[in-house]
N, C-alpha and C. Protein backbone atom coordinates (compact mmCIF):
# COMPACT_ATOMS: atom_id res chain seq x y z
N MET A 1 0.89 -1.05 -0.34
CA MET A 1 0.13 0.18 -0.01
C MET A 1 0.84 1.35 0.15
N VAL A 2 0.43 2.37 -1.25
CA VAL A 2 1.39 3.65 -0.99
C VAL A 2 1.04 4.16 -1.51
N THR A 3 0.97 5.97 -0.76
CA THR A 3 -0.07 6.69 -0.48
C THR A 3 0.78 7.03 -1.92
N ASP A 4 -0.15 8.11 -3.04
CA ASP A 4 0.22 8.93 -3.92
C ASP A 4 1.52 9.20 -4.38
N ASN A 5 2.68 8.50 -4.42
CA ASN A 5 3.98 8.86 -4.77
C ASN A 5 4.69 9.26 -3.28
N GLY A 6 3.77 8.80 -2.25
CA GLY A 6 4.10 8.72 -1.24
C GLY A 6 5.24 7.00 -1.08
N TYR A 7 5.99 7.31 0.70
CA TYR A 7 6.00 6.69 1.15
C TYR A 7 5.55 5.11 1.66
N PRO A 8 5.70 4.22 1.82
CA PRO A 8 4.89 2.69 2.15
C PRO A 8 4.27 2.74 3.79
N LYS A 9 3.09 2.74 3.49
CA LYS A 9 2.30 3.06 4.92
C LYS A 9 2.77 1.43 5.83
N GLY A 10 3.16 1.93 7.00
CA GLY A 10 3.74 0.78 8.03
C GLY A 10 5.29 0.87 8.27
N LEU A 11 5.66 0.97 7.35
CA LEU A 11 7.06 0.70 7.52
C LEU A 11 8.03 1.62 8.07
N LEU A 12 7.57 2.62 8.86
CA LEU A 12 8.43 3.08 9.22
C LEU A 12 7.52 4.59 9.13
N ARG A 13 7.29 5.08 10.12
CA ARG A 13 6.36 6.39 11.02
C ARG A 13 7.32 7.45 9.94
N VAL A 14 6.25 8.16 9.38
CA VAL A 14 7.25 9.45 8.47
C VAL A 14 5.81 10.22 8.77
N PRO A 15 7.10 11.69 8.94
CA PRO A 15 5.83 13.10 9.69
C PRO A 15 5.46 13.21 8.28
N THR A 16 4.43 14.18 8.03
CA THR A 16 4.07 15.12 7.43
C THR A 16 4.31 16.91 7.58
N VAL A 17 5.06 17.53 6.75
CA VAL A 17 5.43 18.86 7.07
C VAL A 17 5.06 19.28 6.75
N ALA A 18 5.08 20.83 6.61
CA ALA A 18 4.72 22.15 5.79
C ALA A 18 5.57 22.58 4.72
N MET A 19 4.91 22.49 3.26
CA MET A 19 6.27 22.44 2.26
C MET A 19 7.24 23.42 2.64
N GLU A 20 7.45 24.75 3.54
CA GLU A 20 8.49 25.06 3.14
C GLU A 20 10.07 24.33 4.24
N ASP A 21 9.21 23.33 4.99
CA ASP A 21 10.20 22.46 5.92
C ASP A 21 10.64 21.23 5.12
N TRP A 22 9.52 21.11 3.82
CA TRP A 22 10.11 19.79 3.17
C TRP A 22 10.80 19.96 1.57
N ILE A 23 11.84 19.00 1.10
CA ILE A 23 12.00 18.88 -0.46
C ILE A 23 11.77 17.65 -1.17
N SER A 24 11.78 17.66 -1.96
CA SER A 24 11.73 16.48 -2.61
C SER A 24 13.01 15.31 -2.60
N GLN A 25 13.04 13.91 -3.23
CA GLN A 25 14.15 13.38 -3.21
C GLN A 25 14.78 13.55 -4.34
N HIS A 26 14.44 14.22 -5.56
CA HIS A 26 15.18 14.39 -6.84
C HIS A 26 15.83 15.87 -6.19
N GLU A 27 14.87 16.90 -5.70
CA GLU A 27 15.89 18.28 -5.59
C GLU A 27 16.85 17.89 -4.41
N ALA A 28 16.43 16.91 -3.51
CA ALA A 28 17.47 17.04 -2.37
C ALA A 28 18.75 15.69 -3.27
N ALA A 29 18.59 14.82 -3.99
CA ALA A 29 19.31 14.25 -5.16
C ALA A 29 20.27 15.52 -5.94
N ARG A 30 19.42 16.50 -6.20
CA ARG A 30 20.39 17.30 -7.35
C ARG A 30 21.39 18.40 -6.19
N ILE A 31 20.91 18.36 -5.30
CA ILE A 31 21.85 19.61 -4.26
C ILE A 31 22.68 18.98 -3.84
N LEU A 32 22.87 17.19 -3.38
CA LEU A 32 23.85 16.78 -2.87
C LEU A 32 24.87 16.25 -4.09
N GLY A 33 24.37 15.88 -5.13
CA GLY A 33 24.91 15.78 -6.18
C GLY A 33 25.39 14.46 -6.65
N ILE A 34 24.20 13.43 -6.05
CA ILE A 34 24.19 12.09 -6.05
C ILE A 34 22.81 11.83 -6.46
N SER A 35 22.66 10.71 -6.60
CA SER A 35 21.24 9.93 -7.61
C SER A 35 20.29 9.60 -6.28
N VAL A 36 19.52 9.78 -6.69
CA VAL A 36 18.29 9.06 -5.64
C VAL A 36 17.94 7.81 -5.19
N GLY A 37 18.78 7.05 -5.57
CA GLY A 37 19.13 5.59 -5.20
C GLY A 37 20.10 5.89 -4.22
N ARG A 38 21.33 6.86 -3.88
CA ARG A 38 21.28 6.80 -2.76
C ARG A 38 21.07 7.98 -1.46
N ILE A 39 19.58 8.63 -2.04
CA ILE A 39 18.77 8.97 -0.68
C ILE A 39 18.48 8.35 -0.26
N GLY A 40 18.18 7.52 -0.88
CA GLY A 40 17.47 6.11 -0.09
C GLY A 40 18.28 5.64 0.69
N MET A 41 19.32 5.51 0.69
CA MET A 41 19.63 5.07 1.43
C MET A 41 20.69 6.05 2.77
N LEU A 42 20.65 6.81 2.48
CA LEU A 42 21.22 7.95 3.44
C LEU A 42 19.91 7.92 4.34
N ILE A 43 18.33 7.89 3.99
CA ILE A 43 17.50 7.78 4.75
C ILE A 43 17.48 6.81 5.38
N SER A 44 17.74 5.36 5.19
CA SER A 44 17.50 4.32 5.50
C SER A 44 19.02 3.89 6.88
N THR A 45 20.33 4.41 6.28
CA THR A 45 21.27 4.94 7.84
C THR A 45 20.32 6.16 8.78
N GLY A 46 19.91 6.70 7.98
CA GLY A 46 19.40 7.85 9.43
C GLY A 46 20.32 8.99 8.72
N HIS A 47 20.52 9.28 7.65
CA HIS A 47 21.13 10.36 7.50
C HIS A 47 20.56 11.30 7.31
N LEU A 48 19.70 11.36 6.47
CA LEU A 48 17.96 12.15 6.02
C LEU A 48 16.67 11.55 6.78
N ALA A 49 16.61 12.83 7.79
CA ALA A 49 14.89 12.31 7.69
C ALA A 49 14.06 12.20 6.89
N PRO A 50 13.35 11.11 6.34
CA PRO A 50 11.92 11.59 5.68
C PRO A 50 10.94 12.24 5.53
N ALA A 51 10.22 12.75 5.17
CA ALA A 51 9.22 13.31 6.02
C ALA A 51 8.20 13.51 3.77
N HIS A 52 6.84 13.50 4.56
CA HIS A 52 6.02 14.16 3.30
C HIS A 52 5.38 14.99 3.32
N SER A 53 5.22 15.52 2.08
CA SER A 53 4.65 16.96 1.78
C SER A 53 3.07 16.95 2.45
N PRO A 54 2.56 18.33 2.96
CA PRO A 54 0.57 17.98 2.91
C PRO A 54 0.09 17.12 1.72
N THR A 55 1.02 17.70 0.87
CA THR A 55 0.12 16.74 -0.57
C THR A 55 0.22 15.11 -0.57
N GLY A 56 1.01 14.73 -0.01
CA GLY A 56 1.30 13.31 0.33
C GLY A 56 2.48 12.54 0.27
N GLU A 57 3.71 13.90 -0.97
CA GLU A 57 4.70 13.18 -1.87
C GLU A 57 5.76 12.73 -0.41
N ALA A 58 6.53 12.12 -1.25
CA ALA A 58 7.27 11.35 -0.85
C ALA A 58 9.04 12.39 -1.08
N GLY A 59 9.29 12.46 0.91
CA GLY A 59 10.69 13.75 0.46
C GLY A 59 11.32 13.80 1.48
N VAL A 60 12.83 14.51 1.63
CA VAL A 60 13.11 15.01 3.18
C VAL A 60 12.80 16.00 4.07
N THR A 61 13.25 16.17 5.13
CA THR A 61 12.95 17.68 5.75
C THR A 61 14.33 18.14 4.94
N LYS A 62 13.91 19.80 5.03
CA LYS A 62 15.22 20.75 4.84
C LYS A 62 16.22 20.83 5.99
N ILE A 63 16.26 20.67 6.93
CA ILE A 63 17.12 20.67 7.99
C ILE A 63 18.19 19.39 7.85
N SER A 64 17.68 18.53 7.65
CA SER A 64 18.73 17.24 7.64
C SER A 64 19.25 17.32 6.44
N LEU A 65 18.61 17.76 5.45
CA LEU A 65 19.17 17.69 3.88
C LEU A 65 20.57 18.96 3.72
N ARG A 66 19.99 20.19 4.83
CA ARG A 66 21.80 20.74 4.99
C ARG A 66 22.09 20.47 5.75
N GLU A 67 21.84 19.48 7.23
CA GLU A 67 22.67 18.99 8.21
C GLU A 67 23.95 17.93 7.12
N GLU A 68 22.77 17.40 6.45
CA GLU A 68 24.24 16.67 5.48
C GLU A 68 25.15 17.03 4.85
N ALA A 69 24.51 18.44 3.98
CA ALA A 69 25.42 19.07 2.63
C ALA A 69 26.96 19.58 3.68
N ASP A 70 26.38 20.01 4.78
CA ASP A 70 27.22 20.45 5.81
C ASP A 70 28.24 19.29 6.38
N TRP A 71 27.78 18.15 6.55
CA TRP A 71 28.71 17.04 6.99
C TRP A 71 29.56 16.65 5.88
N ARG A 72 28.80 16.81 4.62
CA ARG A 72 29.88 16.58 3.44
C ARG A 72 31.05 17.49 3.15
N LYS A 73 30.65 19.08 3.43
CA LYS A 73 31.56 19.99 3.21
C LYS A 73 32.78 20.21 4.43
N SER A 74 32.71 19.42 5.70
CA SER A 74 33.47 19.50 6.61
C SER A 74 34.51 18.45 6.90
N ALA A 75 33.90 17.39 6.50
CA ALA A 75 33.99 16.00 6.43
C ALA A 75 35.58 15.19 6.52
N THR A 76 36.35 15.34 7.31
CA THR A 76 37.49 14.13 7.30
C THR A 76 38.00 13.34 5.68
N ILE A 77 38.28 13.10 6.06
CA ILE A 77 38.63 11.23 5.38
C ILE A 77 38.43 10.15 6.36
N PHE A 78 39.12 10.80 7.47
CA PHE A 78 38.46 9.62 8.35
C PHE A 78 37.19 9.55 8.82
N GLY A 79 36.78 10.99 9.05
CA GLY A 79 34.80 11.32 9.08
C GLY A 79 34.30 10.00 7.99
N LYS A 80 34.70 9.95 7.01
CA LYS A 80 33.68 9.44 6.19
C LYS A 80 34.32 7.88 5.89
N MET A 81 35.40 7.36 6.40
CA MET A 81 35.86 6.02 6.43
C MET A 81 34.71 5.88 7.45
N HIS A 82 34.89 6.58 7.94
CA HIS A 82 34.23 5.70 9.60
C HIS A 82 32.70 5.40 9.59
N ARG A 83 31.98 6.42 8.52
CA ARG A 83 30.61 6.31 8.36
C ARG A 83 30.28 5.20 6.75
N ILE A 84 31.37 5.38 6.33
CA ILE A 84 30.86 3.92 5.68
C ILE A 84 31.51 2.69 6.08
N LEU A 85 31.95 2.50 6.91
CA LEU A 85 31.79 1.12 7.92
C LEU A 85 31.07 1.61 8.81
N LYS A 86 29.94 1.92 9.15
CA LYS A 86 29.43 2.03 10.84
C LYS A 86 28.13 1.96 9.61
N ASP A 87 27.69 2.40 8.08
CA ASP A 87 26.58 2.58 7.53
C ASP A 87 26.43 0.61 7.26
N SER A 88 28.09 0.45 6.81
CA SER A 88 27.81 -0.81 6.27
C SER A 88 27.17 -2.17 7.21
N ILE A 89 27.80 -1.94 8.61
CA ILE A 89 27.87 -2.97 9.76
C ILE A 89 26.08 -2.61 10.22
N LYS A 90 24.88 -1.66 9.42
CA LYS A 90 23.81 -1.71 9.42
C LYS A 90 22.95 -2.50 8.81
N PHE A 91 23.73 -2.28 7.75
CA PHE A 91 23.01 -3.21 6.84
C PHE A 91 23.44 -5.17 7.11
N LEU A 92 24.13 -5.14 7.44
CA LEU A 92 24.64 -7.31 7.74
C LEU A 92 23.26 -7.30 8.66
């Protein structure tokens, strides 16, 4: 069961946020310079917060996107390697 282009019901609790606090997954991918598939990975590992728009569309919160963009700009190579290791363990 999927709401019109939204996240599947029952798998996770996804809040509905105001349009000014929401951004689509495609736009988030464009801003971060990654694929939409990577946005899904960032959501599943907790680095981006999923959110529905008032119209029920799937996306992420602008706050989590801003935090991710800031982290990517300032993270050291050690920090990036640590994240890769930690995220890999989450999928095991």
